[in-house]
Amino acid sequence: MEHFIWNMNPVAFSFGSVRVFWYGILFASAILAGLEFMKWVYRTEGKNEEDLESMFLYITIGIVVGARLGHCIFYDPSYYLANPMKIFAVWEGGLASHGGGSGVILALYLFAKKYKLNYLWLLDRVAIPTALFGFFVRMGNFMNSEIVGKPAEVPWAIVFERVDMLPRHPAQLYEAVSYLGIFLLLTFIYKTKRTVLKNGFIFGLFLTLIFTARFLIEFVKVKQADYDTSFLMMSTGQALSIPFLIIGIIIMFWSLKK
């Protein structure tokens, strides 16, 4: 069986010694798309759009710091304990979505406290473009030929030539499509039900859907952590997804009950 061969150069273009990576372009596009979405939300609900610049500064710092620390702590702790200065080498790659999510949740708490906003109201709105952010990031991983799936003989398997010549599950695309679908669903719910849903429901649904998708797709992913998690009978990504999934279900049903 012949499979599609992927060998995209991670560098989009360069100016002399300065290289611009596809991942960076997509990461920046994700932030800009999220900003535009939140501008629409703020206009729709009569909020002050000027506050968004400050919010996205909080969010960007939360994403980068949280995702980097999450990767260092949960996926390769022995290396970073031996080379602590490498923690700051974000340009070398290594960002964990669970850490990034935790960083954003903390950053938004600080922002809501400063600007006197209802925290769950804010989480509901920011959760929607966060799903879109996940789509862009996983497409960046695809451009880098990283976070690949396990070898497979399914018709849609892809050969990531920069990794090896084995046909593999395109795990990045599985996640990207899942997150895009979740973004569209949450946008529809927000547009049609925001006036009747209590604060917290959309955020709870977001956590439930995102981390259910992440848990299931982990079954076809190549192991990412640098240590053995076989004693847990699951991957590191699955183990880290369970608390978020449980919290999402609790918040969602608490909101419905309320």
Foldseek 3Di string as FASTA:
>chain_A
DDAAEDEFDQFPDADVPRTHGLLNVLLVVLLVVLLVQVLVVCVVVVHDNVLSVVLSVLLVVLQQLQQLVCQCPQAEVVVCVVVVVCSPVCVVPGGHVLRSVVSSLVSLVVSCVVVVHDSLQVLLSSLLSVLVSLLSNLVSCVSVVPQWWAADDPRHFYQHVVVPRGGADRLSVLLNVQSVVLSVVSVVCCVPPVVPFFRQQNNLVSLQSNLVSQLVSQVGTDARGPDDPVVVVGGSSNVSSVVSNVVSVVSNVVRVVD
